[in-house]
N, C-alpha and C. Protein backbone atom coordinates (compact mmCIF):
# COMPACT_ATOMS: atom_id res chain seq x y z
N ILE A 1 -2.21 2.64 -0.51
CA ILE A 1 -0.80 2.69 -1.19
C ILE A 1 -0.31 3.97 -2.46
N GLY A 2 -1.62 3.93 -2.55
CA GLY A 2 -1.72 4.77 -4.45
C GLY A 2 -1.00 6.74 -3.97
N LEU A 3 -1.13 6.33 -1.87
CA LEU A 3 -0.39 7.62 -1.99
C LEU A 3 0.81 7.34 -1.99
N GLN A 4 0.65 6.43 -1.27
CA GLN A 4 2.56 6.27 -1.32
C GLN A 4 3.95 6.30 -2.35
N ASN A 5 2.52 5.70 -3.52
CA ASN A 5 3.49 5.24 -4.83
C ASN A 5 3.78 7.37 -5.71
N VAL A 6 3.07 7.84 -4.93
CA VAL A 6 3.38 9.83 -5.38
C VAL A 6 4.66 9.89 -4.89
N PRO A 7 4.94 10.04 -3.64
CA PRO A 7 6.30 10.33 -3.60
C PRO A 7 7.67 9.53 -4.23
N ASP A 8 6.94 7.97 -4.47
CA ASP A 8 7.96 7.38 -5.10
C ASP A 8 7.94 7.58 -6.33
N GLY A 9 7.01 8.17 -6.83
CA GLY A 9 7.60 8.68 -8.36
C GLY A 9 8.41 9.31 -9.12
N PHE A 10 7.48 10.18 -7.92
CA PHE A 10 8.52 11.83 -8.07
C PHE A 10 10.22 11.76 -7.70
N ALA A 11 10.25 11.57 -6.35
CA ALA A 11 11.74 10.32 -6.27
C ALA A 11 12.07 9.99 -7.40
N PHE A 12 11.54 8.88 -8.32
CA PHE A 12 12.15 8.08 -9.62
C PHE A 12 12.28 9.21 -10.56
N ALA A 13 11.33 9.93 -11.08
CA ALA A 13 11.12 10.80 -12.14
C ALA A 13 12.34 12.06 -12.08
N VAL A 14 12.35 12.82 -10.71
CA VAL A 14 12.90 13.84 -10.38
C VAL A 14 14.54 13.75 -11.08
N PRO A 15 15.29 13.25 -10.65
CA PRO A 15 16.19 12.86 -10.93
C PRO A 15 16.59 12.57 -12.37
N MET A 16 15.73 12.17 -12.84
CA MET A 16 16.14 11.58 -14.56
C MET A 16 15.38 12.83 -15.62
N ALA A 17 14.88 13.56 -15.35
CA ALA A 17 14.23 14.95 -15.28
C ALA A 17 15.34 15.69 -15.61
N ASP A 18 16.46 15.46 -14.94
CA ASP A 18 17.86 16.43 -14.50
C ASP A 18 18.51 15.70 -15.56
N THR A 19 18.77 14.93 -15.96
CA THR A 19 19.44 14.23 -16.31
C THR A 19 19.09 14.29 -18.15
N GLY A 20 18.44 15.44 -18.48
CA GLY A 20 17.96 15.62 -20.31
C GLY A 20 17.37 15.19 -20.37
N MET A 21 16.65 13.70 -20.66
CA MET A 21 15.70 12.96 -20.30
C MET A 21 14.17 13.38 -21.00
N SER A 22 13.78 12.66 -22.48
CA SER A 22 12.38 13.32 -22.72
C SER A 22 11.39 12.73 -21.66
N ASN A 23 10.95 14.29 -21.28
CA ASN A 23 9.16 13.61 -20.62
C ASN A 23 8.11 12.75 -20.69
N ALA A 24 7.45 12.70 -22.00
CA ALA A 24 7.76 11.06 -22.47
C ALA A 24 8.53 9.67 -22.48
N ARG A 25 9.77 9.75 -22.04
CA ARG A 25 10.55 8.54 -21.63
C ARG A 25 10.56 8.57 -19.65
N VAL A 26 10.47 9.24 -19.22
CA VAL A 26 10.45 10.26 -17.80
C VAL A 26 9.30 9.31 -17.56
N LEU A 27 8.00 9.46 -18.08
CA LEU A 27 7.13 8.88 -17.00
C LEU A 27 6.90 7.88 -17.89
N TRP A 28 7.37 7.11 -19.07
CA TRP A 28 7.31 5.42 -19.32
C TRP A 28 7.80 4.89 -18.36
N TYR A 29 8.97 5.61 -17.74
CA TYR A 29 10.45 4.69 -17.44
C TYR A 29 9.52 4.71 -15.47
N THR A 30 8.78 6.06 -14.87
CA THR A 30 8.01 6.16 -14.12
C THR A 30 7.06 4.98 -13.92
N THR A 31 6.61 5.10 -14.64
CA THR A 31 5.00 3.92 -14.83
C THR A 31 5.36 2.42 -14.81
N LEU A 32 6.81 2.19 -14.99
CA LEU A 32 6.81 1.19 -15.51
C LEU A 32 7.05 0.04 -13.90
N SER A 33 7.99 1.36 -13.44
CA SER A 33 8.67 1.08 -11.86
C SER A 33 7.15 1.37 -10.64
N GLY A 34 6.24 2.32 -11.15
CA GLY A 34 5.54 1.38 -9.91
C GLY A 34 3.89 0.32 -10.91
N VAL A 35 4.29 0.44 -11.73
CA VAL A 35 3.06 -0.63 -12.42
C VAL A 35 3.75 -2.45 -12.29
N VAL A 36 5.02 -2.15 -12.37
CA VAL A 36 5.59 -4.09 -12.18
C VAL A 36 5.73 -4.39 -11.23
N PRO A 37 6.97 -3.10 -10.09
CA PRO A 37 6.29 -4.54 -8.61
C PRO A 37 4.73 -4.73 -7.75
N GLN A 38 3.96 -3.95 -8.27
CA GLN A 38 2.37 -4.30 -7.60
C GLN A 38 1.68 -5.41 -8.82
N VAL A 39 1.79 -5.95 -9.85
CA VAL A 39 1.83 -6.60 -10.35
C VAL A 39 2.25 -7.80 -10.43
N ALA A 40 3.99 -8.27 -10.30
CA ALA A 40 3.97 -8.49 -9.84
C ALA A 40 3.74 -9.01 -8.49
N ALA A 41 3.39 -8.26 -7.03
CA ALA A 41 3.63 -8.77 -6.16
C ALA A 41 2.01 -9.48 -5.62
N SER A 42 1.26 -9.05 -6.48
CA SER A 42 -0.33 -9.89 -6.91
C SER A 42 -0.25 -10.78 -7.51
N ALA A 43 0.43 -11.11 -8.43
CA ALA A 43 0.50 -12.36 -8.74
C ALA A 43 1.25 -13.42 -7.71
N PHE A 44 2.88 -12.84 -7.35
CA PHE A 44 3.05 -13.63 -5.58
C PHE A 44 1.73 -14.18 -5.54
N GLY A 45 1.14 -13.09 -4.32
CA GLY A 45 0.95 -13.06 -3.87
C GLY A 45 -0.41 -14.12 -3.76
N PHE A 46 -1.86 -13.79 -5.40
CA PHE A 46 -1.91 -15.11 -5.57
C PHE A 46 -1.81 -16.39 -5.63
N THR A 47 -0.54 -16.71 -6.02
CA THR A 47 0.39 -17.84 -6.65
C THR A 47 0.00 -18.92 -4.46
N LEU A 48 0.58 -17.96 -3.92
CA LEU A 48 1.06 -17.99 -2.45
C LEU A 48 -0.15 -18.47 -2.03
N VAL A 49 -1.23 -17.94 -2.12
CA VAL A 49 -2.79 -17.88 -0.94
C VAL A 49 -3.12 -19.23 -2.20
N SER A 50 -3.08 -20.14 -2.92
CA SER A 50 -3.29 -20.94 -3.86
C SER A 50 -2.91 -22.32 -3.25
N VAL A 51 -1.48 -22.24 -3.30
CA VAL A 51 -0.54 -23.34 -2.88
C VAL A 51 -0.86 -23.22 -1.70
N ALA A 52 -1.24 -22.50 -1.01
CA ALA A 52 -1.45 -22.21 1.06
C ALA A 52 -2.70 -22.32 1.38
N ALA A 53 -3.33 -23.03 0.72
CA ALA A 53 -5.23 -22.79 0.92
C ALA A 53 -4.98 -24.42 1.22
N GLY A 54 -4.64 -25.07 0.21
CA GLY A 54 -4.85 -26.46 1.30
C GLY A 54 -4.22 -27.11 2.60
N LEU A 55 -3.06 -25.96 2.87
CA LEU A 55 -2.92 -26.14 4.23
C LEU A 55 -4.03 -25.61 5.33
N PHE A 56 -4.12 -24.64 5.19
CA PHE A 56 -4.89 -24.29 5.78
C PHE A 56 -5.85 -25.17 7.06
N PRO A 57 -6.09 -26.11 6.58
CA PRO A 57 -6.80 -27.09 7.73
C PRO A 57 -5.62 -27.78 9.03
N VAL A 58 -4.53 -27.67 7.93
CA VAL A 58 -3.51 -28.64 8.88
C VAL A 58 -3.30 -27.46 9.48
N SER A 59 -2.72 -26.36 8.96
CA SER A 59 -2.59 -25.65 9.75
C SER A 59 -3.27 -25.20 11.02
N SER A 60 -4.37 -24.53 10.94
CA SER A 60 -5.82 -24.87 11.74
C SER A 60 -5.66 -25.68 12.81
N GLY A 61 -5.02 -26.97 12.28
CA GLY A 61 -5.48 -28.50 14.01
C GLY A 61 -4.60 -27.84 14.29
N PHE A 62 -3.16 -27.60 13.33
CA PHE A 62 -1.86 -26.93 14.58
C PHE A 62 -2.16 -26.03 16.13
N ALA A 63 -3.24 -25.18 15.47
CA ALA A 63 -3.08 -24.21 16.14
C ALA A 63 -4.74 -25.00 17.47
N ALA A 64 -5.43 -26.07 16.67
CA ALA A 64 -6.46 -26.27 18.11
C ALA A 64 -5.62 -26.47 19.31
N GLY A 65 -4.83 -27.62 18.21
CA GLY A 65 -3.90 -28.14 19.07
C GLY A 65 -3.34 -27.90 20.44
N ALA A 66 -2.68 -26.65 19.29
CA ALA A 66 -2.13 -25.65 20.02
C ALA A 66 -2.62 -25.20 21.68
N MET A 67 -3.81 -24.42 20.95
CA MET A 67 -4.68 -23.64 22.25
C MET A 67 -4.53 -24.61 23.24
N LEU A 68 -5.50 -26.19 22.40
CA LEU A 68 -6.00 -27.69 23.85
C LEU A 68 -4.94 -27.44 25.19
N ALA A 69 -3.30 -27.86 24.06
CA ALA A 69 -2.48 -27.95 25.32
C ALA A 69 -2.54 -26.70 26.40
N VAL A 70 -2.52 -25.56 26.16
CA VAL A 70 -2.02 -24.18 27.04
C VAL A 70 -2.76 -24.27 27.64
N VAL A 71 -4.31 -24.47 27.55
CA VAL A 71 -5.75 -24.59 28.30
C VAL A 71 -5.49 -25.57 29.43
N PHE A 72 -5.12 -26.71 28.89
CA PHE A 72 -5.64 -28.23 30.01
C PHE A 72 -4.21 -28.82 30.10
N ARG A 73 -3.67 -27.88 30.18
CA ARG A 73 -1.55 -27.78 31.34
C ARG A 73 -2.23 -27.37 32.23
């Protein structure tokens, strides 16, 4: 993921730098564009796993039943 962020950062920063924006502001906006989505996605993933943890036994039972139905038909 880190290697993929390098070209994304350049693709985001170069056009902003070409407009005459200060280097500090370009660095700030580029950093925000890389950090905010990762933090938001990790919070969403944590919430999803926390909610889905209670559904795991039910879904495992459903999957086991489906496998047994395939085997014994």
